[in-house]
Amino acid sequence: MAEPISRGFRDISLSFTRHPVTNDITVIRNEDAIKKSVVNLVRTQVNERFFNSFLGTTLGTTLFELINEESFEFLEDEIEVLLRNFEPRIAVTRVFAQGQVDSNSVFIQIEYDIVGLPLPTQSIEFLLQPTRV
């Protein structure tokens, strides 16, 4: 079965900056819109969003716990399931989580393909650190 061709994607910018010509909120498109959505989903804590207690990860709580290799495998699986359930515009190819014990931080790398668009595999990398140590 052939993969469906997708239309372009648009989301509003969460920085709420004003467009200089239209004075409307700026819009982010296609890969950038999906990238922001993926990062927002991963950084959302479980039970943080009303009326959807399944949306989110336990990523923030792992910053303050003793962590080991099994914790990161669980975290990788949790992120993959979250994105499979709540971001239908992508197909996750790889999730990698690695902890840096010295700084209580977690490095996350997510690779995915955008469904329906002939783009190369996209990659997001970010480091989560506690605000207070």
N, C-alpha and C. Protein backbone atom coordinates (compact mmCIF):
# COMPACT_ATOMS: atom_id res chain seq x y z
N MET A 1 0.84 -1.17 0.00
CA MET A 1 0.00 0.00 0.00
C MET A 1 0.89 1.24 0.00
N ALA A 2 0.58 2.20 -0.82
CA ALA A 2 1.38 3.42 -0.92
C ALA A 2 1.14 4.31 0.28
N GLU A 3 2.19 4.98 0.70
CA GLU A 3 2.10 5.90 1.83
C GLU A 3 1.38 7.16 1.38
N PRO A 4 0.40 7.65 2.16
CA PRO A 4 -0.33 8.83 1.74
C PRO A 4 0.57 10.07 1.74
N ILE A 5 0.27 10.97 0.82
CA ILE A 5 1.01 12.22 0.77
C ILE A 5 0.32 13.19 1.72
N SER A 6 1.11 13.83 2.53
CA SER A 6 0.58 14.70 3.56
C SER A 6 0.55 16.15 3.09
N ARG A 7 -0.33 16.91 3.68
CA ARG A 7 -0.34 18.35 3.47
C ARG A 7 0.68 18.97 4.42
N GLY A 8 0.94 20.24 4.26
CA GLY A 8 1.85 20.93 5.15
C GLY A 8 1.24 21.09 6.54
N PHE A 9 2.09 21.26 7.53
CA PHE A 9 1.64 21.40 8.91
C PHE A 9 1.94 22.82 9.39
N ARG A 10 1.02 23.37 10.20
CA ARG A 10 1.23 24.69 10.78
C ARG A 10 0.77 24.67 12.23
N ASP A 11 1.52 25.33 13.08
CA ASP A 11 1.17 25.54 14.48
C ASP A 11 1.51 26.98 14.83
N ILE A 12 0.90 27.47 15.91
CA ILE A 12 1.27 28.80 16.36
C ILE A 12 2.57 28.71 17.15
N SER A 13 3.31 29.77 17.14
CA SER A 13 4.56 29.82 17.89
C SER A 13 4.23 30.08 19.35
N LEU A 14 4.78 29.28 20.24
CA LEU A 14 4.50 29.44 21.66
C LEU A 14 5.25 30.62 22.27
N SER A 15 6.09 31.28 21.50
CA SER A 15 6.73 32.50 21.99
C SER A 15 5.77 33.68 21.87
N PHE A 16 4.69 33.50 21.12
CA PHE A 16 3.65 34.52 20.92
C PHE A 16 4.22 35.84 20.39
N THR A 17 5.22 35.74 19.53
CA THR A 17 5.75 36.95 18.90
C THR A 17 4.80 37.39 17.79
N ARG A 18 4.82 38.67 17.51
CA ARG A 18 3.93 39.25 16.52
C ARG A 18 4.57 39.27 15.15
N HIS A 19 3.80 38.94 14.14
CA HIS A 19 4.27 39.02 12.77
C HIS A 19 4.36 40.51 12.40
N PRO A 20 5.47 40.96 11.82
CA PRO A 20 5.65 42.40 11.58
C PRO A 20 4.66 42.99 10.57
N VAL A 21 4.13 42.20 9.66
CA VAL A 21 3.23 42.74 8.64
C VAL A 21 1.77 42.59 9.04
N THR A 22 1.38 41.40 9.47
CA THR A 22 -0.03 41.12 9.76
C THR A 22 -0.43 41.42 11.20
N ASN A 23 0.54 41.62 12.09
CA ASN A 23 0.30 41.82 13.52
C ASN A 23 -0.40 40.63 14.17
N ASP A 24 -0.36 39.49 13.53
CA ASP A 24 -0.92 38.28 14.08
C ASP A 24 0.20 37.47 14.73
N ILE A 25 -0.15 36.43 15.47
CA ILE A 25 0.85 35.57 16.08
C ILE A 25 1.60 34.83 14.97
N THR A 26 2.91 34.73 15.10
CA THR A 26 3.69 34.05 14.07
C THR A 26 3.35 32.56 14.03
N VAL A 27 3.56 31.99 12.87
CA VAL A 27 3.23 30.59 12.62
C VAL A 27 4.52 29.85 12.32
N ILE A 28 4.65 28.64 12.86
CA ILE A 28 5.77 27.78 12.49
C ILE A 28 5.22 26.67 11.60
N ARG A 29 6.02 26.22 10.66
CA ARG A 29 5.52 25.31 9.63
C ARG A 29 6.33 24.01 9.57
N ASN A 30 5.67 23.00 9.07
CA ASN A 30 6.21 21.69 8.72
C ASN A 30 7.17 21.11 9.75
N GLU A 31 8.47 20.93 9.41
CA GLU A 31 9.39 20.25 10.31
C GLU A 31 9.53 20.96 11.66
N ASP A 32 9.53 22.29 11.62
CA ASP A 32 9.67 23.04 12.88
C ASP A 32 8.45 22.87 13.77
N ALA A 33 7.26 22.83 13.18
CA ALA A 33 6.04 22.63 13.96
C ALA A 33 6.04 21.27 14.63
N ILE A 34 6.44 20.25 13.88
CA ILE A 34 6.48 18.90 14.44
C ILE A 34 7.56 18.79 15.51
N LYS A 35 8.70 19.40 15.27
CA LYS A 35 9.79 19.37 16.25
C LYS A 35 9.36 19.98 17.57
N LYS A 36 8.70 21.13 17.53
CA LYS A 36 8.21 21.78 18.76
C LYS A 36 7.18 20.91 19.46
N SER A 37 6.32 20.28 18.69
CA SER A 37 5.30 19.41 19.26
C SER A 37 5.92 18.22 19.98
N VAL A 38 6.92 17.60 19.36
CA VAL A 38 7.59 16.45 19.97
C VAL A 38 8.27 16.86 21.28
N VAL A 39 8.98 17.97 21.27
CA VAL A 39 9.66 18.42 22.48
C VAL A 39 8.65 18.75 23.57
N ASN A 40 7.54 19.41 23.22
CA ASN A 40 6.52 19.72 24.22
C ASN A 40 5.90 18.46 24.81
N LEU A 41 5.65 17.46 23.98
CA LEU A 41 5.09 16.21 24.49
C LEU A 41 6.05 15.52 25.46
N VAL A 42 7.33 15.45 25.10
CA VAL A 42 8.30 14.76 25.93
C VAL A 42 8.51 15.51 27.25
N ARG A 43 8.49 16.82 27.23
CA ARG A 43 8.72 17.60 28.45
C ARG A 43 7.49 17.72 29.34
N THR A 44 6.34 17.30 28.86
CA THR A 44 5.12 17.34 29.66
C THR A 44 5.16 16.24 30.71
N GLN A 45 4.87 16.59 31.95
CA GLN A 45 4.83 15.62 33.04
C GLN A 45 3.49 14.88 33.02
N VAL A 46 3.48 13.64 33.47
CA VAL A 46 2.25 12.87 33.58
C VAL A 46 1.31 13.61 34.54
N ASN A 47 0.04 13.67 34.20
CA ASN A 47 -1.01 14.36 34.96
C ASN A 47 -0.89 15.88 34.93
N GLU A 48 -0.04 16.42 34.08
CA GLU A 48 0.11 17.87 34.00
C GLU A 48 -1.02 18.51 33.18
N ARG A 49 -1.51 17.82 32.18
CA ARG A 49 -2.57 18.35 31.33
C ARG A 49 -3.91 17.82 31.81
N PHE A 50 -4.83 18.73 32.02
CA PHE A 50 -6.16 18.36 32.49
C PHE A 50 -6.88 17.49 31.47
N PHE A 51 -7.70 16.59 31.95
CA PHE A 51 -8.56 15.73 31.15
C PHE A 51 -7.80 14.71 30.31
N ASN A 52 -6.49 14.58 30.48
CA ASN A 52 -5.74 13.54 29.78
C ASN A 52 -4.57 13.12 30.66
N SER A 53 -4.83 12.23 31.58
CA SER A 53 -3.81 11.83 32.53
C SER A 53 -2.76 10.90 31.93
N PHE A 54 -2.98 10.40 30.72
CA PHE A 54 -2.01 9.51 30.08
C PHE A 54 -0.94 10.25 29.30
N LEU A 55 -1.16 11.52 29.02
CA LEU A 55 -0.23 12.28 28.22
C LEU A 55 0.92 12.77 29.08
N GLY A 56 2.14 12.51 28.65
CA GLY A 56 3.32 12.98 29.36
C GLY A 56 4.28 11.85 29.69
N THR A 57 5.41 12.24 30.30
CA THR A 57 6.44 11.28 30.69
C THR A 57 6.85 11.52 32.13
N THR A 58 7.62 10.60 32.66
CA THR A 58 8.17 10.75 34.01
C THR A 58 9.60 11.26 33.94
N LEU A 59 9.95 11.90 32.84
CA LEU A 59 11.30 12.37 32.60
C LEU A 59 11.78 13.35 33.68
N GLY A 60 10.93 14.27 34.08
CA GLY A 60 11.31 15.27 35.08
C GLY A 60 11.63 14.66 36.43
N THR A 61 10.94 13.62 36.81
CA THR A 61 11.19 13.00 38.11
C THR A 61 12.49 12.20 38.12
N THR A 62 12.94 11.74 36.96
CA THR A 62 14.19 10.98 36.92
C THR A 62 15.40 11.86 37.18
N LEU A 63 15.24 13.16 37.06
CA LEU A 63 16.37 14.06 37.34
C LEU A 63 16.75 14.06 38.81
N PHE A 64 15.82 13.65 39.68
CA PHE A 64 16.07 13.70 41.11
C PHE A 64 16.14 12.32 41.76
N GLU A 65 16.27 11.28 40.95
CA GLU A 65 16.35 9.92 41.47
C GLU A 65 17.70 9.31 41.15
N LEU A 66 18.02 8.25 41.88
CA LEU A 66 19.20 7.46 41.52
C LEU A 66 18.84 6.67 40.27
N ILE A 67 19.65 6.81 39.24
CA ILE A 67 19.30 6.22 37.96
C ILE A 67 20.31 5.17 37.56
N ASN A 68 19.83 4.20 36.77
CA ASN A 68 20.70 3.15 36.25
C ASN A 68 20.29 2.85 34.81
N GLU A 69 20.92 1.87 34.20
CA GLU A 69 20.66 1.54 32.80
C GLU A 69 19.21 1.15 32.56
N GLU A 70 18.59 0.41 33.48
CA GLU A 70 17.19 0.01 33.31
C GLU A 70 16.27 1.21 33.30
N SER A 71 16.61 2.24 34.06
CA SER A 71 15.80 3.46 34.09
C SER A 71 15.77 4.11 32.72
N PHE A 72 16.91 4.11 32.04
CA PHE A 72 16.96 4.74 30.74
C PHE A 72 16.25 3.92 29.69
N GLU A 73 16.30 2.61 29.79
CA GLU A 73 15.54 1.76 28.87
C GLU A 73 14.05 1.99 29.05
N PHE A 74 13.60 2.11 30.30
CA PHE A 74 12.19 2.40 30.57
C PHE A 74 11.81 3.76 30.00
N LEU A 75 12.67 4.74 30.18
CA LEU A 75 12.43 6.09 29.68
C LEU A 75 12.35 6.12 28.15
N GLU A 76 13.23 5.39 27.49
CA GLU A 76 13.19 5.30 26.03
C GLU A 76 11.88 4.70 25.56
N ASP A 77 11.44 3.61 26.21
CA ASP A 77 10.18 2.97 25.85
C ASP A 77 9.00 3.91 26.10
N GLU A 78 9.05 4.63 27.21
CA GLU A 78 7.97 5.54 27.57
C GLU A 78 7.83 6.67 26.53
N ILE A 79 8.95 7.22 26.09
CA ILE A 79 8.93 8.28 25.09
C ILE A 79 8.42 7.76 23.76
N GLU A 80 8.86 6.56 23.38
CA GLU A 80 8.42 5.98 22.12
C GLU A 80 6.92 5.73 22.11
N VAL A 81 6.38 5.19 23.19
CA VAL A 81 4.93 4.94 23.28
C VAL A 81 4.16 6.25 23.27
N LEU A 82 4.66 7.25 23.99
CA LEU A 82 4.01 8.56 24.03
C LEU A 82 3.90 9.15 22.63
N LEU A 83 4.99 9.14 21.88
CA LEU A 83 4.99 9.73 20.55
C LEU A 83 4.14 8.91 19.58
N ARG A 84 4.14 7.60 19.73
CA ARG A 84 3.31 6.76 18.86
C ARG A 84 1.83 7.05 19.10
N ASN A 85 1.45 7.32 20.36
CA ASN A 85 0.04 7.53 20.69
C ASN A 85 -0.44 8.97 20.45
N PHE A 86 0.43 9.95 20.64
CA PHE A 86 -0.03 11.33 20.63
C PHE A 86 0.54 12.20 19.51
N GLU A 87 1.39 11.68 18.67
CA GLU A 87 1.92 12.45 17.54
C GLU A 87 1.83 11.61 16.28
N PRO A 88 0.65 11.63 15.63
CA PRO A 88 0.45 10.77 14.45
C PRO A 88 1.19 11.24 13.20
N ARG A 89 1.78 12.43 13.24
CA ARG A 89 2.47 12.95 12.05
C ARG A 89 3.86 12.36 11.87
N ILE A 90 4.34 11.58 12.86
CA ILE A 90 5.70 11.03 12.77
C ILE A 90 5.70 9.52 12.97
N ALA A 91 6.78 8.90 12.51
CA ALA A 91 7.07 7.49 12.78
C ALA A 91 8.43 7.45 13.45
N VAL A 92 8.45 7.11 14.73
CA VAL A 92 9.69 7.12 15.50
C VAL A 92 10.60 5.99 15.03
N THR A 93 11.86 6.32 14.77
CA THR A 93 12.82 5.30 14.36
C THR A 93 13.79 4.95 15.48
N ARG A 94 14.08 5.92 16.37
CA ARG A 94 15.03 5.64 17.44
C ARG A 94 14.86 6.66 18.56
N VAL A 95 14.91 6.16 19.80
CA VAL A 95 14.93 7.02 20.99
C VAL A 95 16.13 6.58 21.81
N PHE A 96 16.94 7.55 22.22
CA PHE A 96 18.13 7.25 23.01
C PHE A 96 18.15 8.17 24.22
N ALA A 97 18.31 7.60 25.40
CA ALA A 97 18.40 8.37 26.64
C ALA A 97 19.68 7.97 27.37
N GLN A 98 20.40 8.96 27.84
CA GLN A 98 21.64 8.71 28.56
C GLN A 98 21.74 9.71 29.71
N GLY A 99 22.09 9.20 30.87
CA GLY A 99 22.19 10.07 32.04
C GLY A 99 23.61 10.51 32.31
N GLN A 100 23.71 11.69 32.85
CA GLN A 100 24.99 12.21 33.29
C GLN A 100 24.89 12.39 34.79
N VAL A 101 25.40 11.41 35.51
CA VAL A 101 25.21 11.33 36.94
C VAL A 101 25.81 12.52 37.67
N ASP A 102 26.94 13.02 37.20
CA ASP A 102 27.60 14.13 37.88
C ASP A 102 26.73 15.38 37.95
N SER A 103 25.95 15.62 36.92
CA SER A 103 25.16 16.85 36.88
C SER A 103 23.66 16.61 37.01
N ASN A 104 23.24 15.39 37.33
CA ASN A 104 21.82 15.03 37.43
C ASN A 104 21.06 15.47 36.19
N SER A 105 21.59 15.19 35.04
CA SER A 105 20.94 15.58 33.80
C SER A 105 20.71 14.35 32.92
N VAL A 106 19.78 14.49 31.99
CA VAL A 106 19.45 13.42 31.07
C VAL A 106 19.54 13.95 29.64
N PHE A 107 20.31 13.27 28.81
CA PHE A 107 20.45 13.60 27.40
C PHE A 107 19.47 12.74 26.62
N ILE A 108 18.63 13.37 25.80
CA ILE A 108 17.63 12.66 25.01
C ILE A 108 17.89 12.92 23.53
N GLN A 109 17.85 11.86 22.74
CA GLN A 109 17.94 11.99 21.29
C GLN A 109 16.78 11.20 20.68
N ILE A 110 16.02 11.86 19.81
CA ILE A 110 14.87 11.24 19.16
C ILE A 110 15.04 11.38 17.66
N GLU A 111 14.95 10.27 16.95
CA GLU A 111 15.00 10.28 15.49
C GLU A 111 13.66 9.79 14.97
N TYR A 112 13.14 10.47 13.95
CA TYR A 112 11.83 10.12 13.42
C TYR A 112 11.72 10.52 11.95
N ASP A 113 10.77 9.87 11.28
CA ASP A 113 10.42 10.22 9.91
C ASP A 113 9.06 10.89 9.94
N ILE A 114 8.90 11.93 9.13
CA ILE A 114 7.61 12.60 9.03
C ILE A 114 6.75 11.81 8.04
N VAL A 115 5.57 11.42 8.48
CA VAL A 115 4.68 10.59 7.68
C VAL A 115 4.12 11.42 6.53
N GLY A 116 4.28 10.90 5.31
CA GLY A 116 3.68 11.52 4.15
C GLY A 116 4.50 12.61 3.49
N LEU A 117 5.64 12.98 4.04
CA LEU A 117 6.49 13.99 3.41
C LEU A 117 7.83 13.37 3.06
N PRO A 118 8.33 13.60 1.87
CA PRO A 118 9.60 13.00 1.44
C PRO A 118 10.80 13.77 1.99
N LEU A 119 10.96 13.75 3.28
CA LEU A 119 12.07 14.45 3.94
C LEU A 119 13.02 13.43 4.54
N PRO A 120 14.28 13.80 4.74
CA PRO A 120 15.20 12.88 5.42
C PRO A 120 14.78 12.70 6.89
N THR A 121 15.35 11.70 7.53
CA THR A 121 15.06 11.44 8.94
C THR A 121 15.43 12.65 9.77
N GLN A 122 14.50 13.07 10.63
CA GLN A 122 14.70 14.23 11.49
C GLN A 122 15.29 13.76 12.82
N SER A 123 16.04 14.64 13.47
CA SER A 123 16.66 14.30 14.75
C SER A 123 16.53 15.47 15.71
N ILE A 124 16.17 15.17 16.95
CA ILE A 124 16.07 16.17 18.01
C ILE A 124 16.97 15.71 19.14
N GLU A 125 17.78 16.61 19.66
CA GLU A 125 18.63 16.33 20.81
C GLU A 125 18.43 17.44 21.83
N PHE A 126 18.25 17.06 23.09
CA PHE A 126 18.19 18.07 24.13
C PHE A 126 18.64 17.49 25.45
N LEU A 127 19.07 18.36 26.33
CA LEU A 127 19.59 17.99 27.63
C LEU A 127 18.65 18.56 28.68
N LEU A 128 18.13 17.70 29.54
CA LEU A 128 17.27 18.15 30.63
C LEU A 128 18.09 18.19 31.92
N GLN A 129 18.03 19.34 32.57
CA GLN A 129 18.73 19.52 33.83
C GLN A 129 17.77 20.09 34.86
N PRO A 130 17.97 19.77 36.12
CA PRO A 130 17.12 20.40 37.15
C PRO A 130 17.47 21.88 37.25
N THR A 131 16.47 22.69 37.59
CA THR A 131 16.72 24.12 37.71
C THR A 131 17.51 24.44 38.98
N ARG A 132 17.36 23.61 40.00
CA ARG A 132 18.13 23.78 41.23
C ARG A 132 18.89 22.50 41.52
N VAL A 133 20.12 22.62 41.89
CA VAL A 133 20.92 21.43 42.21
C VAL A 133 21.29 21.46 43.67
